[in-house]
Amino acid sequence: MAEKFNNKVLILGAGSVSQSVLPLLIEHLVDAKQITIMDQRDNRLRVKGALDKGATYIQDQITQDNLDSQLKKHLSAGDFLLDLAWNIDANTILNWCHDNGVLYLNTSVEEWDPYAGGANKHPLERTLYYRHMRMREMKSKWNKVGATAIVEHGANPGLVSHLVKKSMVDIATLALKESKAAAGVESALTDERYNDLAHLLGVKVIHISERDTQVTNKPKQWGEFVNTWSVEGFYEEGIAPAELGWGTHEKTLPLNAYDHQSGPKNQIAIAQPGATTWVRSWVPNFEIHGMVIRHGEAFTISDHLTVWDGSKALYRPTVHYAYCPTNEAIASMKELEMRSWDLHKNQRIMNDE
């Protein structure tokens, strides 16, 4: 178990992820009195357990104008910022943490206004790939070492990257045990060269597959968007172009697809909403049809598993999310499409009803 963290912790957002992570933080890493939770909404009841143990709640919002002053109120060098909010520009807040020596972790790469100029932007400019390239450009200009920052590390993206590695270890171990492993598998496994390992194991496609099976006794009403997590987050991801890590074995691009002309070029984008782009996939118990909702792991996993020969990609698997949300959320997204993507004002996040 990790050692206790003794400095201050600021958590941005009191949504479903925050509600899940707070008990774990308090049990394993920090005293509740070290934690400040900030959310633009009054979600105190949803984090009541942490507040009862001494955490502080502030109903406020980080904006372009107040980011520096707000963060300096609650954080100093050596403290930890856990960013679980939405529509806070990742580059801005990352740069602030770098300059101020604050540890940082988020679960997605956000922008202040992801819809600004959307109608006039090329589909490739509306991708997570584009955001990652901007982040890499910013990082290349840093001239000093800063505090550790980890981006896109929740469950997915995040934990799933570790599970991909664990899966390849399991496959390689079984292949070696049964004397079916290709030459080089054992050394790649020992050296933890996961890109070579994936190549030698013949991995072509990786689906991050999810079927949300939560049910409710309060059916969705007409004019209501119901989801099990952030409605705004699902909306932004759902209407954005579908994105995939594109394998070197793929022969032809899908209809309306675009490839990138700079960077690692490990992804493509399809000029249609991810929420209307469906693929056949599987979860442990059954087959599903899932949405190719853009997700950071499609970029990071396919990038990490690429085998390079100089500037040429010799091998890369296809990687993408295949998301089948709850029945309520599927109906909500279909209704949203019928509304010409005008987001419902009436929104509900399913809890324990």
Protein backbone atom coordinates (compact mmCIF):
# COMPACT_ATOMS: atom_id res chain seq x y z
CA MET A 1 0.00 0.00 0.00
CA ALA A 2 1.23 3.51 -0.80
CA GLU A 3 2.48 5.77 1.98
CA LYS A 4 0.11 8.38 3.33
CA PHE A 5 0.10 11.69 1.46
CA ASN A 6 0.49 14.56 3.91
CA ASN A 7 -0.15 17.65 1.79
CA LYS A 8 -3.38 19.32 0.68
CA VAL A 9 -5.67 17.79 -1.93
CA LEU A 10 -8.04 19.83 -4.11
CA ILE A 11 -10.69 17.86 -6.00
CA LEU A 12 -12.47 19.64 -8.82
CA GLY A 13 -15.92 18.16 -9.36
CA ALA A 14 -18.34 16.28 -7.12
CA GLY A 15 -19.92 14.06 -9.73
CA SER A 16 -20.10 10.29 -9.96
CA VAL A 17 -16.33 9.74 -10.28
CA SER A 18 -15.58 12.01 -7.35
CA GLN A 19 -18.19 10.23 -5.24
CA SER A 20 -16.51 6.91 -6.02
CA VAL A 21 -12.90 7.95 -5.45
CA LEU A 22 -13.34 9.95 -2.24
CA PRO A 23 -13.89 6.94 0.08
CA LEU A 24 -10.80 5.25 -1.39
CA LEU A 25 -8.64 8.34 -0.95
CA ILE A 26 -9.71 8.71 2.66
CA GLU A 27 -9.27 5.01 3.44
CA HIS A 28 -5.85 4.62 1.87
CA LEU A 29 -4.00 7.89 1.27
CA VAL A 30 -5.16 11.02 3.09
CA ASP A 31 -7.06 12.33 6.06
CA ALA A 32 -10.39 13.84 5.04
CA LYS A 33 -9.36 17.14 6.64
CA GLN A 34 -6.69 17.54 3.93
CA ILE A 35 -9.33 17.50 1.17
CA THR A 36 -11.17 20.43 -0.39
CA ILE A 37 -13.91 19.63 -2.92
CA MET A 38 -14.97 22.31 -5.40
CA ASP A 39 -18.02 22.06 -7.65
CA GLN A 40 -20.19 24.67 -9.36
CA ARG A 41 -23.28 22.84 -8.10
CA ASP A 42 -24.34 22.09 -4.56
CA ASN A 43 -23.61 18.36 -4.45
CA ARG A 44 -22.83 18.26 -0.73
CA LEU A 45 -25.28 15.44 -0.09
CA ARG A 46 -23.49 13.24 -2.64
CA VAL A 47 -20.17 13.57 -0.80
CA LYS A 48 -21.64 13.71 2.70
CA GLY A 49 -19.47 10.86 3.96
CA ALA A 50 -16.28 12.79 3.20
CA LEU A 51 -17.68 16.03 4.63
CA ASP A 52 -18.71 14.26 7.85
CA LYS A 53 -15.09 13.16 8.24
CA GLY A 54 -13.71 16.67 7.86
CA ALA A 55 -13.44 17.45 4.13
CA THR A 56 -14.29 20.99 3.00
CA TYR A 57 -16.83 21.79 0.27
CA ILE A 58 -16.75 24.94 -1.83
CA GLN A 59 -19.50 25.76 -4.33
CA ASP A 60 -17.55 27.62 -6.98
CA GLN A 61 -16.16 27.23 -10.49
CA ILE A 62 -12.78 27.40 -12.22
CA THR A 63 -12.92 29.73 -15.23
CA GLN A 64 -10.44 31.21 -17.69
CA ASP A 65 -10.45 34.43 -15.70
CA ASN A 66 -10.06 33.04 -12.18
CA LEU A 67 -8.02 29.86 -12.62
CA ASP A 68 -4.78 31.29 -11.24
CA SER A 69 -6.33 33.04 -8.25
CA GLN A 70 -8.66 30.14 -7.38
CA LEU A 71 -5.95 27.50 -7.46
CA LYS A 72 -3.53 29.64 -5.47
CA LYS A 73 -6.15 29.92 -2.71
CA HIS A 74 -6.09 26.19 -2.13
CA LEU A 75 -2.79 24.81 -3.45
CA SER A 76 0.94 25.35 -3.12
CA ALA A 77 4.04 23.42 -4.16
CA GLY A 78 3.81 19.74 -3.22
CA ASP A 79 0.03 19.64 -3.06
CA PHE A 80 -2.18 17.49 -5.28
CA LEU A 81 -4.86 18.59 -7.75
CA LEU A 82 -7.36 15.91 -8.81
CA ASP A 83 -9.26 17.29 -11.78
CA LEU A 84 -12.61 15.49 -12.18
CA ALA A 85 -14.47 18.45 -13.66
CA TRP A 86 -15.38 19.14 -17.28
CA ASN A 87 -14.57 21.98 -19.69
CA ILE A 88 -11.42 23.14 -17.89
CA ASP A 89 -8.70 23.54 -20.49
CA ALA A 90 -6.14 20.80 -19.89
CA ASN A 91 -3.19 22.75 -21.26
CA THR A 92 -3.94 25.78 -19.09
CA ILE A 93 -4.30 23.85 -15.86
CA LEU A 94 -1.38 21.53 -16.66
CA ASN A 95 0.86 24.50 -17.31
CA TRP A 96 -0.24 26.11 -14.04
CA CYS A 97 0.58 22.94 -12.09
CA HIS A 98 3.96 22.66 -13.84
CA ASP A 99 4.87 26.25 -12.98
CA ASN A 100 3.63 25.96 -9.38
CA GLY A 101 4.99 22.54 -8.46
CA VAL A 102 1.56 20.95 -7.93
CA LEU A 103 0.92 17.26 -8.63
CA TYR A 104 -1.88 16.75 -11.13
CA LEU A 105 -4.17 13.97 -12.36
CA ASN A 106 -7.21 14.11 -14.62
CA THR A 107 -9.45 11.64 -16.42
CA SER A 108 -9.88 13.46 -19.75
CA VAL A 109 -8.25 16.13 -21.90
CA GLU A 110 -10.72 19.03 -21.90
CA GLU A 111 -11.06 22.49 -23.45
CA TRP A 112 -12.71 25.65 -22.15
CA ASP A 113 -15.36 25.54 -24.88
CA PRO A 114 -15.22 22.37 -26.99
CA TYR A 115 -18.03 23.66 -29.21
CA ALA A 116 -16.45 27.00 -30.17
CA GLY A 117 -16.25 27.33 -33.94
CA GLY A 118 -17.41 23.75 -34.33
CA ALA A 119 -19.37 24.33 -37.52
CA ASN A 120 -16.30 25.83 -39.19
CA LYS A 121 -13.69 23.37 -37.91
CA HIS A 122 -12.35 20.49 -39.95
CA PRO A 123 -13.30 17.16 -38.31
CA LEU A 124 -9.62 16.52 -37.46
CA GLU A 125 -9.53 19.73 -35.40
CA ARG A 126 -12.38 18.40 -33.25
CA THR A 127 -10.49 15.26 -32.21
CA LEU A 128 -8.71 14.20 -29.05
CA TYR A 129 -5.68 13.56 -31.27
CA TYR A 130 -5.58 17.28 -32.04
CA ARG A 131 -5.70 18.07 -28.30
CA HIS A 132 -2.89 15.63 -27.59
CA MET A 133 -0.73 17.24 -30.24
CA ARG A 134 -1.32 20.66 -28.67
CA MET A 135 -0.37 19.22 -25.30
CA ARG A 136 2.84 17.72 -26.67
CA GLU A 137 3.68 21.05 -28.28
CA MET A 138 3.23 22.82 -24.94
CA LYS A 139 5.35 20.24 -23.11
CA SER A 140 8.15 20.62 -25.66
CA LYS A 141 8.48 24.28 -24.66
CA TRP A 142 8.99 23.60 -20.94
CA ASN A 143 12.60 24.32 -20.04
CA LYS A 144 12.56 22.96 -16.51
CA VAL A 145 11.38 19.83 -14.73
CA GLY A 146 8.06 20.23 -12.96
CA ALA A 147 5.76 18.23 -10.70
CA THR A 148 4.41 14.92 -11.96
CA ALA A 149 1.24 15.15 -14.03
CA ILE A 150 -0.79 12.19 -15.32
CA VAL A 151 -3.54 12.80 -17.86
CA GLU A 152 -6.49 10.62 -18.80
CA HIS A 153 -6.12 8.17 -15.95
CA GLY A 154 -9.49 7.14 -14.64
CA ALA A 155 -11.05 3.76 -15.37
CA ASN A 156 -11.18 4.25 -19.12
CA PRO A 157 -9.06 5.91 -20.20
CA GLY A 158 -6.58 4.89 -17.51
CA LEU A 159 -7.00 1.54 -15.80
CA VAL A 160 -7.79 -0.13 -19.12
CA SER A 161 -4.23 0.55 -20.30
CA HIS A 162 -2.91 -1.55 -17.42
CA LEU A 163 -5.48 -4.24 -18.21
CA VAL A 164 -4.30 -4.37 -21.83
CA LYS A 165 -0.76 -5.02 -20.60
CA LYS A 166 -2.00 -7.64 -18.15
CA SER A 167 -3.95 -9.35 -20.92
CA MET A 168 -0.87 -9.56 -23.13
CA VAL A 169 1.16 -10.94 -20.24
CA ASP A 170 -1.50 -13.62 -19.70
CA ILE A 171 -1.61 -14.53 -23.42
CA ALA A 172 2.19 -14.64 -23.67
CA THR A 173 2.51 -16.72 -20.50
CA LEU A 174 -0.01 -19.26 -21.78
CA ALA A 175 1.64 -19.40 -25.21
CA LEU A 176 5.01 -20.07 -23.62
CA LYS A 177 3.53 -22.71 -21.32
CA GLU A 178 1.97 -24.50 -24.29
CA SER A 179 5.10 -24.04 -26.47
CA LYS A 180 3.09 -22.00 -28.99
CA ALA A 181 4.93 -18.70 -28.59
CA ALA A 182 6.76 -17.08 -31.50
CA ALA A 183 10.49 -16.46 -31.22
CA GLY A 184 11.15 -13.35 -29.19
CA VAL A 185 8.01 -13.49 -27.06
CA GLU A 186 9.86 -14.53 -23.92
CA SER A 187 12.45 -11.75 -24.15
CA ALA A 188 9.78 -9.13 -24.96
CA LEU A 189 7.79 -10.31 -21.96
CA THR A 190 10.82 -10.23 -19.67
CA ASP A 191 11.87 -6.78 -20.87
CA GLU A 192 8.30 -5.44 -20.74
CA ARG A 193 8.48 -4.32 -24.37
CA TYR A 194 4.73 -4.33 -24.81
CA ASN A 195 4.76 -3.02 -28.38
CA ASP A 196 7.02 -5.87 -29.49
CA LEU A 197 4.99 -8.31 -27.41
CA ALA A 198 1.72 -7.26 -29.08
CA HIS A 199 3.39 -7.55 -32.47
CA LEU A 200 4.80 -11.02 -31.81
CA LEU A 201 1.49 -12.23 -30.36
CA GLY A 202 -0.31 -11.10 -33.52
CA VAL A 203 -2.67 -8.70 -31.74
CA LYS A 204 -4.62 -6.85 -34.44
CA VAL A 205 -7.62 -5.27 -32.71
CA ILE A 206 -8.25 -4.14 -29.14
CA HIS A 207 -11.78 -3.16 -28.15
CA ILE A 208 -12.39 -1.34 -24.89
CA SER A 209 -15.87 -2.82 -24.58
CA GLU A 210 -18.47 -1.75 -22.06
CA ARG A 211 -22.13 -2.56 -21.49
CA ASP A 212 -23.71 -0.46 -18.75
CA THR A 213 -26.32 -2.76 -17.21
CA GLN A 214 -27.67 -0.41 -14.56
CA VAL A 215 -31.47 -0.26 -14.49
CA THR A 216 -33.88 2.19 -12.89
CA ASN A 217 -37.39 2.15 -11.49
CA LYS A 218 -37.81 5.73 -12.81
CA PRO A 219 -38.09 5.40 -16.59
CA LYS A 220 -36.80 8.17 -18.82
CA GLN A 221 -39.44 10.75 -19.65
CA TRP A 222 -39.86 12.50 -23.01
CA GLY A 223 -37.61 15.57 -23.08
CA GLU A 224 -35.27 14.15 -20.42
CA PHE A 225 -31.68 12.95 -20.85
CA VAL A 226 -30.83 10.16 -18.42
CA ASN A 227 -27.35 8.73 -17.90
CA THR A 228 -25.28 7.03 -15.21
CA TRP A 229 -22.52 9.64 -15.38
CA SER A 230 -22.04 13.22 -16.60
CA VAL A 231 -24.67 14.07 -19.21
CA GLU A 232 -22.52 16.95 -20.46
CA GLY A 233 -19.51 14.66 -20.77
CA PHE A 234 -21.43 12.03 -22.72
CA TYR A 235 -22.92 14.73 -24.93
CA GLU A 236 -19.54 16.21 -25.82
CA GLU A 237 -17.99 12.81 -26.55
CA GLY A 238 -21.06 11.54 -28.36
CA ILE A 239 -21.42 14.36 -30.88
CA ALA A 240 -17.67 14.53 -31.59
CA PRO A 241 -16.24 12.61 -34.57
CA ALA A 242 -15.65 8.91 -33.98
CA GLU A 243 -11.93 8.25 -33.37
CA LEU A 244 -9.93 5.04 -33.65
CA GLY A 245 -6.35 4.00 -33.25
CA TRP A 246 -5.78 2.68 -36.77
CA GLY A 247 -3.87 -0.58 -37.20
CA THR A 248 -1.16 -1.09 -39.81
CA HIS A 249 -3.00 -4.20 -41.00
CA GLU A 250 -6.04 -2.16 -42.07
CA LYS A 251 -6.23 -1.89 -45.87
CA THR A 252 -8.88 0.77 -46.55
CA LEU A 253 -10.28 3.72 -44.64
CA PRO A 254 -13.96 3.72 -43.64
CA LEU A 255 -16.35 6.02 -45.47
CA ASN A 256 -15.88 9.69 -44.47
CA ALA A 257 -12.65 8.91 -42.59
CA TYR A 258 -9.65 11.20 -42.34
CA ASP A 259 -6.08 10.42 -41.32
CA HIS A 260 -3.67 12.85 -39.67
CA GLN A 261 -0.70 14.36 -41.46
CA SER A 262 1.51 15.18 -38.46
CA GLY A 263 2.52 13.57 -35.17
CA PRO A 264 2.56 9.78 -34.73
CA LYS A 265 -0.40 9.44 -37.15
CA ASN A 266 -1.73 6.54 -35.12
CA GLN A 267 -5.39 7.54 -35.35
CA ILE A 268 -8.12 8.29 -37.83
CA ALA A 269 -11.34 10.22 -37.40
CA ILE A 270 -14.69 9.53 -39.04
CA ALA A 271 -16.71 12.63 -39.90
CA GLN A 272 -19.84 11.53 -38.07
CA PRO A 273 -20.82 11.48 -34.39
CA GLY A 274 -19.37 8.65 -32.34
CA ALA A 275 -22.85 8.13 -30.91
CA THR A 276 -24.12 7.10 -34.36
CA THR A 277 -21.10 4.93 -35.20
CA TRP A 278 -21.81 1.40 -34.01
CA VAL A 279 -19.58 -1.69 -34.01
CA ARG A 280 -20.01 -5.31 -33.06
CA SER A 281 -18.11 -6.20 -29.91
CA TRP A 282 -18.11 -8.46 -26.86
CA VAL A 283 -18.09 -8.29 -23.09
CA PRO A 284 -17.42 -11.40 -20.99
CA ASN A 285 -20.99 -12.71 -20.93
CA PHE A 286 -22.43 -11.73 -24.29
CA GLU A 287 -22.10 -9.90 -27.59
CA ILE A 288 -22.92 -6.21 -27.81
CA HIS A 289 -23.21 -3.42 -30.33
CA GLY A 290 -21.26 -0.42 -29.04
CA MET A 291 -20.75 3.20 -29.99
CA VAL A 292 -17.30 4.25 -31.19
CA ILE A 293 -17.28 7.13 -28.71
CA ARG A 294 -13.92 8.87 -28.80
CA HIS A 295 -11.78 8.05 -25.79
CA GLY A 296 -8.21 8.84 -24.83
CA GLU A 297 -7.16 5.20 -24.57
CA ALA A 298 -7.70 4.78 -28.32
CA PHE A 299 -4.88 7.28 -28.76
CA THR A 300 -2.53 6.30 -25.92
CA ILE A 301 -2.73 2.51 -26.26
CA SER A 302 -2.31 2.48 -30.03
CA ASP A 303 0.57 4.94 -29.72
CA HIS A 304 2.28 2.94 -26.97
CA LEU A 305 1.97 -0.35 -28.87
CA THR A 306 3.36 0.97 -32.16
CA VAL A 307 6.59 -0.68 -33.36
CA TRP A 308 8.73 1.81 -35.24
CA ASP A 309 11.49 1.44 -37.80
CA GLY A 310 12.83 4.96 -37.79
CA SER A 311 9.86 7.12 -38.80
CA LYS A 312 7.87 4.24 -40.29
CA ALA A 313 5.27 2.37 -38.25
CA LEU A 314 5.92 -1.35 -38.79
CA TYR A 315 3.12 -2.49 -36.51
CA ARG A 316 0.17 -1.03 -34.68
CA PRO A 317 -3.13 -2.55 -33.57
CA THR A 318 -6.52 -0.97 -34.14
CA VAL A 319 -7.81 0.34 -30.79
CA HIS A 320 -11.15 1.93 -29.96
CA TYR A 321 -13.93 2.19 -27.44
CA ALA A 322 -17.14 0.19 -27.98
CA TYR A 323 -19.67 1.63 -25.56
CA CYS A 324 -23.18 0.34 -25.04
CA PRO A 325 -24.75 2.58 -22.37
CA THR A 326 -27.89 1.89 -20.36
CA ASN A 327 -31.23 1.50 -22.07
CA GLU A 328 -32.21 4.91 -20.69
CA ALA A 329 -29.09 6.53 -22.11
CA ILE A 330 -29.53 4.87 -25.52
CA ALA A 331 -33.06 6.25 -25.69
CA SER A 332 -31.80 9.65 -24.53
CA MET A 333 -29.09 9.77 -27.19
CA LYS A 334 -31.56 8.74 -29.90
CA GLU A 335 -33.94 11.46 -28.79
CA LEU A 336 -31.01 13.91 -28.80
CA GLU A 337 -30.33 13.01 -32.43
CA MET A 338 -34.00 13.68 -33.24
CA ARG A 339 -33.57 17.10 -31.59
CA SER A 340 -30.74 17.84 -34.06
CA TRP A 341 -28.25 17.48 -31.19
CA ASP A 342 -29.80 20.24 -29.08
CA LEU A 343 -29.01 19.06 -25.56
CA HIS A 344 -31.93 18.58 -23.19
CA LYS A 345 -32.29 21.08 -20.37
CA ASN A 346 -33.91 18.38 -18.26
CA GLN A 347 -31.12 15.99 -17.22
CA ARG A 348 -30.88 13.21 -14.65
CA ILE A 349 -28.00 11.05 -13.46
CA MET A 350 -29.14 7.64 -12.23
CA ASN A 351 -27.94 6.89 -8.74
CA ASP A 352 -29.25 4.05 -6.57
CA GLU A 353 -32.93 4.25 -7.51
